[in-house]
Amino acid sequence: MVGKVAAIGALVGGGGGGGLMADSAEDKKIRQYQKEKELALLEKSSITPDEKTAFRPGNTNSLTGTTWRVISLIEDKTNTEDFATIVLSFQTNTKATTLILWKDGKSETYGETYTVVGDALIFSGKDYVTNTKYSLEGNRLIVVSPDFQAVLEEVK
């Protein structure tokens, strides 16, 4: 993940095949633990779970004020870092933050700007621009670029 920076940039450089989870009791217990850990980390990071402070309602796009967890990531690269979970939060009309929880228990938070134009979702940071296509299907966000495809589930 180092060198790519945030949100989908983080997904491109940091993910490694996080497949769909089954609904066994053990999986539910693990997901609840991960959710509680994510919320605790969100409270300590620059991301805020409070929608009143996360965005201005008059300055929004379809993603503003939403938070998403990666449930599936497929990419062309073979050298990917192992993550336990990635959470992407669209805080304002132009600012997004990504929280990565690594399997070793460490966490990282990245911020970047984004732009929505039709079905294009463009992320940019200090030294990169990532162009993707996106679609919303119920509580799922599907993001596709030439290098990767990610499915994210909305966190409420």
C-alpha atoms as a PDB file:
ATOM      1  CA  MET A   1       0.000   0.000   0.000  1.00  0.00           C
ATOM      2  CA  VAL A   2       2.916   2.271   0.609  1.00  0.00           C
ATOM      3  CA  GLY A   3       3.350   4.647  -2.312  1.00  0.00           C
ATOM      4  CA  LYS A   4      -0.152   4.415  -3.757  1.00  0.00           C
ATOM      5  CA  VAL A   5      -2.221   6.359  -1.185  1.00  0.00           C
ATOM      6  CA  ALA A   6      -5.835   6.170  -0.151  1.00  0.00           C
ATOM      7  CA  ALA A   7      -9.256   5.022  -1.214  1.00  0.00           C
ATOM      8  CA  ILE A   8      -9.293   3.172  -4.488  1.00  0.00           C
ATOM      9  CA  GLY A   9      -5.627   4.014  -4.793  1.00  0.00           C
ATOM     10  CA  ALA A  10      -5.293   2.012  -1.579  1.00  0.00           C
ATOM     11  CA  LEU A  11      -7.352  -0.769  -3.071  1.00  0.00           C
ATOM     12  CA  VAL A  12      -5.143  -0.960  -6.154  1.00  0.00           C
ATOM     13  CA  GLY A  13      -1.912  -1.111  -4.212  1.00  0.00           C
ATOM     14  CA  GLY A  14      -2.970  -2.787  -0.994  1.00  0.00           C
ATOM     15  CA  GLY A  15      -5.624  -5.382  -1.468  1.00  0.00           C
ATOM     16  CA  GLY A  16      -5.382  -9.035  -2.029  1.00  0.00           C
ATOM     17  CA  GLY A  17      -8.426 -11.135  -2.808  1.00  0.00           C
ATOM     18  CA  GLY A  18     -10.827 -10.546   0.063  1.00  0.00           C
ATOM     19  CA  GLY A  19     -13.602 -12.893  -1.034  1.00  0.00           C
ATOM     20  CA  LEU A  20     -17.218 -12.979   0.087  1.00  0.00           C
ATOM     21  CA  MET A  21     -17.859 -14.225   3.604  1.00  0.00           C
ATOM     22  CA  ALA A  22     -20.183 -17.096   4.401  1.00  0.00           C
ATOM     23  CA  ASP A  23     -22.956 -16.579   6.930  1.00  0.00           C
ATOM     24  CA  SER A  24     -21.854 -19.128   9.527  1.00  0.00           C
ATOM     25  CA  ALA A  25     -22.060 -18.216  13.211  1.00  0.00           C
ATOM     26  CA  GLU A  26     -18.275 -17.953  13.392  1.00  0.00           C
ATOM     27  CA  ASP A  27     -18.201 -15.630  10.356  1.00  0.00           C
ATOM     28  CA  LYS A  28     -20.877 -13.415  11.926  1.00  0.00           C
ATOM     29  CA  LYS A  29     -18.861 -13.257  15.134  1.00  0.00           C
ATOM     30  CA  ILE A  30     -15.724 -12.297  13.187  1.00  0.00           C
ATOM     31  CA  ARG A  31     -17.608  -9.642  11.188  1.00  0.00           C
ATOM     32  CA  GLN A  32     -19.043  -8.145  14.401  1.00  0.00           C
ATOM     33  CA  TYR A  33     -15.561  -8.016  15.936  1.00  0.00           C
ATOM     34  CA  GLN A  34     -14.175  -6.369  12.764  1.00  0.00           C
ATOM     35  CA  LYS A  35     -17.047  -3.855  12.741  1.00  0.00           C
ATOM     36  CA  GLU A  36     -16.408  -2.901  16.375  1.00  0.00           C
ATOM     37  CA  LYS A  37     -12.673  -2.560  15.709  1.00  0.00           C
ATOM     38  CA  GLU A  38     -13.325  -0.444  12.587  1.00  0.00           C
ATOM     39  CA  LEU A  39     -15.666   1.864  14.493  1.00  0.00           C
ATOM     40  CA  ALA A  40     -13.095   2.310  17.260  1.00  0.00           C
ATOM     41  CA  LEU A  41     -10.411   3.121  14.672  1.00  0.00           C
ATOM     42  CA  LEU A  42     -12.752   5.483  12.809  1.00  0.00           C
ATOM     43  CA  GLU A  43     -13.309   7.418  16.027  1.00  0.00           C
ATOM     44  CA  LYS A  44      -9.536   7.816  16.450  1.00  0.00           C
ATOM     45  CA  SER A  45      -8.891   8.741  12.804  1.00  0.00           C
ATOM     46  CA  SER A  46      -9.827  11.784  10.762  1.00  0.00           C
ATOM     47  CA  ILE A  47     -12.926   9.933   9.537  1.00  0.00           C
ATOM     48  CA  THR A  48     -16.062  10.721  11.462  1.00  0.00           C
ATOM     49  CA  PRO A  49     -19.058   8.375  11.744  1.00  0.00           C
ATOM     50  CA  ASP A  50     -21.279  11.396  12.496  1.00  0.00           C
ATOM     51  CA  GLU A  51     -22.976  12.308   9.210  1.00  0.00           C
ATOM     52  CA  LYS A  52     -23.728  15.832  10.460  1.00  0.00           C
ATOM     53  CA  THR A  53     -20.025  16.629  10.516  1.00  0.00           C
ATOM     54  CA  ALA A  54     -18.961  14.312   7.690  1.00  0.00           C
ATOM     55  CA  PHE A  55     -20.512  16.314   4.860  1.00  0.00           C
ATOM     56  CA  ARG A  56     -22.589  19.348   3.992  1.00  0.00           C
ATOM     57  CA  PRO A  57     -26.002  18.190   2.668  1.00  0.00           C
ATOM     58  CA  GLY A  58     -26.183  21.049   0.144  1.00  0.00           C
ATOM     59  CA  ASN A  59     -22.908  20.025  -1.495  1.00  0.00           C
ATOM     60  CA  THR A  60     -23.275  16.341  -2.301  1.00  0.00           C
ATOM     61  CA  ASN A  61     -23.106  13.645  -4.960  1.00  0.00           C
ATOM     62  CA  SER A  62     -24.494  10.104  -4.760  1.00  0.00           C
ATOM     63  CA  LEU A  63     -21.512   8.920  -2.667  1.00  0.00           C
ATOM     64  CA  THR A  64     -21.261  11.840  -0.227  1.00  0.00           C
ATOM     65  CA  GLY A  65     -21.744  10.784   3.383  1.00  0.00           C
ATOM     66  CA  THR A  66     -21.531   7.056   2.653  1.00  0.00           C
ATOM     67  CA  THR A  67     -19.081   4.493   4.044  1.00  0.00           C
ATOM     68  CA  TRP A  68     -18.163   1.212   2.324  1.00  0.00           C
ATOM     69  CA  ARG A  69     -16.289  -1.981   3.270  1.00  0.00           C
ATOM     70  CA  VAL A  70     -14.402  -4.009   0.649  1.00  0.00           C
ATOM     71  CA  ILE A  71     -15.925  -7.480   0.354  1.00  0.00           C
ATOM     72  CA  SER A  72     -14.218  -8.557  -2.864  1.00  0.00           C
ATOM     73  CA  LEU A  73     -11.083  -7.336  -4.626  1.00  0.00           C
ATOM     74  CA  ILE A  74      -9.595  -8.759  -7.798  1.00  0.00           C
ATOM     75  CA  GLU A  75      -6.492  -7.188  -9.277  1.00  0.00           C
ATOM     76  CA  ASP A  76      -3.883  -7.964 -11.905  1.00  0.00           C
ATOM     77  CA  LYS A  77      -0.944  -7.554  -9.553  1.00  0.00           C
ATOM     78  CA  THR A  78       0.450 -10.643  -7.843  1.00  0.00           C
ATOM     79  CA  ASN A  79       2.419  -8.923  -5.059  1.00  0.00           C
ATOM     80  CA  THR A  80      -0.329  -7.611  -2.816  1.00  0.00           C
ATOM     81  CA  GLU A  81      -0.247  -6.923   0.892  1.00  0.00           C
ATOM     82  CA  ASP A  82      -2.630  -8.807   3.148  1.00  0.00           C
ATOM     83  CA  PHE A  83      -5.410  -6.753   4.667  1.00  0.00           C
ATOM     84  CA  ALA A  84      -8.105  -7.766   7.102  1.00  0.00           C
ATOM     85  CA  THR A  85     -10.494  -5.031   6.002  1.00  0.00           C
ATOM     86  CA  ILE A  86     -10.588  -1.803   4.017  1.00  0.00           C
ATOM     87  CA  VAL A  87     -13.200   0.869   4.746  1.00  0.00           C
ATOM     88  CA  LEU A  88     -13.756   3.763   2.333  1.00  0.00           C
ATOM     89  CA  SER A  89     -15.632   6.863   3.533  1.00  0.00           C
ATOM     90  CA  PHE A  90     -16.810   9.646   1.205  1.00  0.00           C
ATOM     91  CA  GLN A  91     -16.887  12.517   3.673  1.00  0.00           C
ATOM     92  CA  THR A  92     -17.629  15.535   1.500  1.00  0.00           C
ATOM     93  CA  ASN A  93     -18.309  16.232  -2.138  1.00  0.00           C
ATOM     94  CA  THR A  94     -14.569  16.033  -2.848  1.00  0.00           C
ATOM     95  CA  LYS A  95     -12.841  14.321   0.105  1.00  0.00           C
ATOM     96  CA  ALA A  96     -12.579  10.585   0.757  1.00  0.00           C
ATOM     97  CA  THR A  97     -10.752   8.677   3.477  1.00  0.00           C
ATOM     98  CA  THR A  98      -9.642   5.056   3.518  1.00  0.00           C
ATOM     99  CA  LEU A  99      -8.984   3.027   6.637  1.00  0.00           C
ATOM    100  CA  ILE A 100      -6.950  -0.149   6.149  1.00  0.00           C
ATOM    101  CA  LEU A 101      -6.773  -2.726   8.915  1.00  0.00           C
ATOM    102  CA  TRP A 102      -3.937  -5.150   8.201  1.00  0.00           C
ATOM    103  CA  LYS A 103      -4.008  -8.798   9.244  1.00  0.00           C
ATOM    104  CA  ASP A 104      -1.198  -8.108  11.734  1.00  0.00           C
ATOM    105  CA  GLY A 105      -3.494  -5.680  13.601  1.00  0.00           C
ATOM    106  CA  LYS A 106      -1.867  -2.447  12.394  1.00  0.00           C
ATOM    107  CA  SER A 107      -3.986   0.219  10.744  1.00  0.00           C
ATOM    108  CA  GLU A 108      -3.461   3.070   8.281  1.00  0.00           C
ATOM    109  CA  THR A 109      -5.653   5.980   7.262  1.00  0.00           C
ATOM    110  CA  TYR A 110      -5.303   7.827   3.948  1.00  0.00           C
ATOM    111  CA  GLY A 111      -7.076  10.893   2.582  1.00  0.00           C
ATOM    112  CA  GLU A 112      -7.528  11.955  -1.020  1.00  0.00           C
ATOM    113  CA  THR A 113      -9.787  13.900  -3.324  1.00  0.00           C
ATOM    114  CA  TYR A 114     -12.372  12.370  -5.626  1.00  0.00           C
ATOM    115  CA  THR A 115     -14.632  13.524  -8.426  1.00  0.00           C
ATOM    116  CA  VAL A 116     -17.823  11.943  -9.740  1.00  0.00           C
ATOM    117  CA  VAL A 117     -18.683  12.599 -13.400  1.00  0.00           C
ATOM    118  CA  GLY A 118     -21.522  10.415 -14.661  1.00  0.00           C
ATOM    119  CA  ASP A 119     -20.372   6.832 -14.018  1.00  0.00           C
ATOM    120  CA  ALA A 120     -16.714   7.859 -13.695  1.00  0.00           C
ATOM    121  CA  LEU A 121     -15.138   7.965 -10.244  1.00  0.00           C
ATOM    122  CA  ILE A 122     -11.758   9.693 -10.264  1.00  0.00           C
ATOM    123  CA  PHE A 123      -9.408   9.611  -7.263  1.00  0.00           C
ATOM    124  CA  SER A 124      -6.340  11.809  -6.994  1.00  0.00           C
ATOM    125  CA  GLY A 125      -3.548  12.314  -4.539  1.00  0.00           C
ATOM    126  CA  LYS A 126      -0.201  14.012  -4.429  1.00  0.00           C
ATOM    127  CA  ASP A 127       1.384  11.779  -7.061  1.00  0.00           C
ATOM    128  CA  TYR A 128      -1.402   9.805  -8.742  1.00  0.00           C
ATOM    129  CA  VAL A 129      -4.765   9.853 -10.502  1.00  0.00           C
ATOM    130  CA  THR A 130      -6.935   6.720 -10.623  1.00  0.00           C
ATOM    131  CA  ASN A 131      -9.788   6.639 -13.135  1.00  0.00           C
ATOM    132  CA  THR A 132     -12.530   4.086 -12.518  1.00  0.00           C
ATOM    133  CA  LYS A 133     -16.095   3.333 -13.512  1.00  0.00           C
ATOM    134  CA  TYR A 134     -18.560   2.780 -10.707  1.00  0.00           C
ATOM    135  CA  SER A 135     -22.130   1.641 -10.199  1.00  0.00           C
ATOM    136  CA  LEU A 136     -24.435   1.426  -7.212  1.00  0.00           C
ATOM    137  CA  GLU A 137     -26.545  -1.707  -6.900  1.00  0.00           C
ATOM    138  CA  GLY A 138     -28.574  -1.579  -3.688  1.00  0.00           C
ATOM    139  CA  ASN A 139     -26.091  -1.651  -0.812  1.00  0.00           C
ATOM    140  CA  ARG A 140     -23.202  -2.569  -3.149  1.00  0.00           C
ATOM    141  CA  LEU A 141     -20.679  -0.264  -4.811  1.00  0.00           C
ATOM    142  CA  ILE A 142     -18.895  -1.822  -7.779  1.00  0.00           C
ATOM    143  CA  VAL A 143     -15.699  -0.122  -8.926  1.00  0.00           C
ATOM    144  CA  VAL A 144     -13.852  -1.220 -12.078  1.00  0.00           C
ATOM    145  CA  SER A 145     -10.597  -0.044 -13.660  1.00  0.00           C
ATOM    146  CA  PRO A 146      -8.246  -1.699 -16.139  1.00  0.00           C
ATOM    147  CA  ASP A 147      -6.134  -2.919 -13.170  1.00  0.00           C
ATOM    148  CA  PHE A 148      -8.735  -4.062 -10.645  1.00  0.00           C
ATOM    149  CA  GLN A 149     -12.360  -4.722  -9.781  1.00  0.00           C
ATOM    150  CA  ALA A 150     -13.737  -4.153  -6.290  1.00  0.00           C
ATOM    151  CA  VAL A 151     -17.095  -4.818  -4.685  1.00  0.00           C
ATOM    152  CA  LEU A 152     -17.859  -2.851  -1.551  1.00  0.00           C
ATOM    153  CA  GLU A 153     -20.797  -3.144   0.814  1.00  0.00           C
ATOM    154  CA  GLU A 154     -22.301  -0.082   2.490  1.00  0.00           C
ATOM    155  CA  VAL A 155     -21.637   0.278   6.207  1.00  0.00           C
ATOM    156  CA  LYS A 156     -24.578   1.759   8.100  1.00  0.00           C
END
